Amino acid sequence: MTTSQPVPTAADADLHARLEAERDQARARVAELEVEYEQLLGNRDVIQEDRDTTRRILEEARGALAAAERSLAQEAAGDYGRCSECGQPIGDERLEALPDTTTCRDCA
């Protein structure tokens, strides 16, 4: 007995492209901030508060990149859009607003 894989739809392709675009934007932001942070570290005229602020922004950007990569992994596994708490589908509007969310509105 052979099981067939679901046929990808245009909506699946659009979702995948959107998730990849978000991941690529997050990667570019992380790379940009890493360069900026390294420059700040090497400049003795920059106050520590500026370094700390840039470091925090860089950490947030790395978190966004990790979330985008998780979303792509979930999509590849067929789990994207399913609540990690209750297992129910996450609403399309919520996913549109928060593409890396892992919980439905009720469980958030």
C-alpha atoms as a PDB file:
ATOM      1  CA  MET A   1       0.000   0.000   0.000  1.00  0.00           C
ATOM      2  CA  THR A   2       1.403   3.363  -1.018  1.00  0.00           C
ATOM      3  CA  THR A   3       0.615   6.632   0.682  1.00  0.00           C
ATOM      4  CA  SER A   4       0.505   9.689  -1.457  1.00  0.00           C
ATOM      5  CA  GLN A   5       1.898  13.050  -0.476  1.00  0.00           C
ATOM      6  CA  PRO A   6      -0.437  16.029  -0.630  1.00  0.00           C
ATOM      7  CA  VAL A   7      -0.103  18.030  -3.812  1.00  0.00           C
ATOM      8  CA  PRO A   8       1.369  21.470  -3.065  1.00  0.00           C
ATOM      9  CA  THR A   9      -1.013  24.314  -3.847  1.00  0.00           C
ATOM     10  CA  ALA A  10      -0.378  27.905  -4.900  1.00  0.00           C
ATOM     11  CA  ALA A  11      -1.166  28.952  -1.321  1.00  0.00           C
ATOM     12  CA  ASP A  12       1.551  26.555  -0.093  1.00  0.00           C
ATOM     13  CA  ALA A  13       4.038  28.105  -2.498  1.00  0.00           C
ATOM     14  CA  ASP A  14       3.019  31.615  -1.399  1.00  0.00           C
ATOM     15  CA  LEU A  15       3.426  30.673   2.259  1.00  0.00           C
ATOM     16  CA  HIS A  16       6.815  29.105   1.639  1.00  0.00           C
ATOM     17  CA  ALA A  17       7.993  32.152  -0.316  1.00  0.00           C
ATOM     18  CA  ARG A  18       6.773  34.479   2.448  1.00  0.00           C
ATOM     19  CA  LEU A  19       8.517  32.467   5.162  1.00  0.00           C
ATOM     20  CA  GLU A  20      11.734  32.361   3.143  1.00  0.00           C
ATOM     21  CA  ALA A  21      11.563  36.119   2.537  1.00  0.00           C
ATOM     22  CA  GLU A  22      11.145  36.745   6.268  1.00  0.00           C
ATOM     23  CA  ARG A  23      14.089  34.465   7.032  1.00  0.00           C
ATOM     24  CA  ASP A  24      16.244  36.200   4.421  1.00  0.00           C
ATOM     25  CA  GLN A  25      15.342  39.643   5.787  1.00  0.00           C
ATOM     26  CA  ALA A  26      16.171  38.470   9.311  1.00  0.00           C
ATOM     27  CA  ARG A  27      19.534  37.096   8.134  1.00  0.00           C
ATOM     28  CA  ALA A  28      20.377  40.378   6.439  1.00  0.00           C
ATOM     29  CA  ARG A  29      19.409  42.346   9.557  1.00  0.00           C
ATOM     30  CA  VAL A  30      21.564  40.122  11.779  1.00  0.00           C
ATOM     31  CA  ALA A  31      24.541  40.487   9.431  1.00  0.00           C
ATOM     32  CA  GLU A  32      24.110  44.269   9.342  1.00  0.00           C
ATOM     33  CA  LEU A  33      23.897  44.513  13.125  1.00  0.00           C
ATOM     34  CA  GLU A  34      26.884  42.218  13.646  1.00  0.00           C
ATOM     35  CA  VAL A  35      29.037  44.542  11.540  1.00  0.00           C
ATOM     36  CA  GLU A  36      27.712  47.592  13.357  1.00  0.00           C
ATOM     37  CA  TYR A  37      28.331  46.009  16.763  1.00  0.00           C
ATOM     38  CA  GLU A  38      31.872  44.990  15.855  1.00  0.00           C
ATOM     39  CA  GLN A  39      32.570  48.565  14.748  1.00  0.00           C
ATOM     40  CA  LEU A  40      31.222  49.910  18.022  1.00  0.00           C
ATOM     41  CA  LEU A  41      33.379  47.506  20.010  1.00  0.00           C
ATOM     42  CA  GLY A  42      36.475  48.714  18.184  1.00  0.00           C
ATOM     43  CA  ASN A  43      35.750  52.397  18.661  1.00  0.00           C
ATOM     44  CA  ARG A  44      36.923  53.725  22.045  1.00  0.00           C
ATOM     45  CA  ASP A  45      34.951  56.954  21.549  1.00  0.00           C
ATOM     46  CA  VAL A  46      31.611  55.118  21.690  1.00  0.00           C
ATOM     47  CA  ILE A  47      29.939  55.019  25.094  1.00  0.00           C
ATOM     48  CA  GLN A  48      29.073  51.665  26.638  1.00  0.00           C
ATOM     49  CA  GLU A  49      25.345  52.446  26.578  1.00  0.00           C
ATOM     50  CA  ASP A  50      25.434  52.589  22.762  1.00  0.00           C
ATOM     51  CA  ARG A  51      27.245  49.248  22.622  1.00  0.00           C
ATOM     52  CA  ASP A  52      24.748  47.694  25.025  1.00  0.00           C
ATOM     53  CA  THR A  53      21.785  48.994  23.053  1.00  0.00           C
ATOM     54  CA  THR A  54      23.166  47.661  19.783  1.00  0.00           C
ATOM     55  CA  ARG A  55      23.931  44.308  21.437  1.00  0.00           C
ATOM     56  CA  ARG A  56      20.320  44.035  22.684  1.00  0.00           C
ATOM     57  CA  ILE A  57      18.974  44.889  19.231  1.00  0.00           C
ATOM     58  CA  LEU A  58      21.315  42.282  17.739  1.00  0.00           C
ATOM     59  CA  GLU A  59      20.052  39.663  20.210  1.00  0.00           C
ATOM     60  CA  GLU A  60      16.457  40.461  19.253  1.00  0.00           C
ATOM     61  CA  ALA A  61      17.337  40.171  15.560  1.00  0.00           C
ATOM     62  CA  ARG A  62      18.976  36.787  16.196  1.00  0.00           C
ATOM     63  CA  GLY A  63      15.788  35.697  17.970  1.00  0.00           C
ATOM     64  CA  ALA A  64      13.705  36.798  14.983  1.00  0.00           C
ATOM     65  CA  LEU A  65      16.003  34.820  12.683  1.00  0.00           C
ATOM     66  CA  ALA A  66      15.672  31.722  14.861  1.00  0.00           C
ATOM     67  CA  ALA A  67      11.882  32.098  14.848  1.00  0.00           C
ATOM     68  CA  ALA A  68      11.820  32.436  11.056  1.00  0.00           C
ATOM     69  CA  GLU A  69      13.967  29.320  10.708  1.00  0.00           C
ATOM     70  CA  ARG A  70      11.655  27.431  13.108  1.00  0.00           C
ATOM     71  CA  SER A  71       8.653  28.473  11.021  1.00  0.00           C
ATOM     72  CA  LEU A  72      10.300  27.111   7.871  1.00  0.00           C
ATOM     73  CA  ALA A  73      11.146  23.849   9.663  1.00  0.00           C
ATOM     74  CA  GLN A  74       7.547  23.552  10.868  1.00  0.00           C
ATOM     75  CA  GLU A  75       6.292  24.201   7.358  1.00  0.00           C
ATOM     76  CA  ALA A  76       8.595  21.520   5.963  1.00  0.00           C
ATOM     77  CA  ALA A  77       7.359  19.055   8.595  1.00  0.00           C
ATOM     78  CA  GLY A  78       3.733  19.927   7.872  1.00  0.00           C
ATOM     79  CA  ASP A  79       3.223  21.416  11.347  1.00  0.00           C
ATOM     80  CA  TYR A  80       3.135  25.106  10.455  1.00  0.00           C
ATOM     81  CA  GLY A  81      -0.079  26.823  11.478  1.00  0.00           C
ATOM     82  CA  ARG A  82      -0.928  24.308  14.196  1.00  0.00           C
ATOM     83  CA  CYS A  83      -0.991  25.442  17.836  1.00  0.00           C
ATOM     84  CA  SER A  84       1.807  23.940  19.902  1.00  0.00           C
ATOM     85  CA  GLU A  85      -0.431  23.967  23.009  1.00  0.00           C
ATOM     86  CA  CYS A  86      -3.799  22.576  21.880  1.00  0.00           C
ATOM     87  CA  GLY A  87      -3.023  21.249  18.391  1.00  0.00           C
ATOM     88  CA  GLN A  88      -5.809  23.228  16.741  1.00  0.00           C
ATOM     89  CA  PRO A  89      -5.203  25.323  13.618  1.00  0.00           C
ATOM     90  CA  ILE A  90      -3.948  28.855  14.186  1.00  0.00           C
ATOM     91  CA  GLY A  91      -6.179  31.356  12.424  1.00  0.00           C
ATOM     92  CA  ASP A  92      -5.020  32.762   9.088  1.00  0.00           C
ATOM     93  CA  GLU A  93      -5.327  36.350  10.344  1.00  0.00           C
ATOM     94  CA  ARG A  94      -3.092  35.567  13.328  1.00  0.00           C
ATOM     95  CA  LEU A  95      -0.519  33.869  11.106  1.00  0.00           C
ATOM     96  CA  GLU A  96      -0.599  36.807   8.722  1.00  0.00           C
ATOM     97  CA  ALA A  97       0.103  39.224  11.567  1.00  0.00           C
ATOM     98  CA  LEU A  98       2.521  36.944  13.456  1.00  0.00           C
ATOM     99  CA  PRO A  99       3.994  34.431  10.996  1.00  0.00           C
ATOM    100  CA  ASP A 100       6.299  32.899  13.596  1.00  0.00           C
ATOM    101  CA  THR A 101       3.627  32.391  16.254  1.00  0.00           C
ATOM    102  CA  THR A 102       3.298  28.882  17.644  1.00  0.00           C
ATOM    103  CA  THR A 103       0.035  29.297  19.537  1.00  0.00           C
ATOM    104  CA  CYS A 104      -3.541  30.063  18.636  1.00  0.00           C
ATOM    105  CA  ARG A 105      -5.306  33.098  20.037  1.00  0.00           C
ATOM    106  CA  ASP A 106      -6.992  31.068  22.785  1.00  0.00           C
ATOM    107  CA  CYS A 107      -3.690  29.592  24.037  1.00  0.00           C
ATOM    108  CA  ALA A 108      -1.616  32.770  23.711  1.00  0.00           C
END
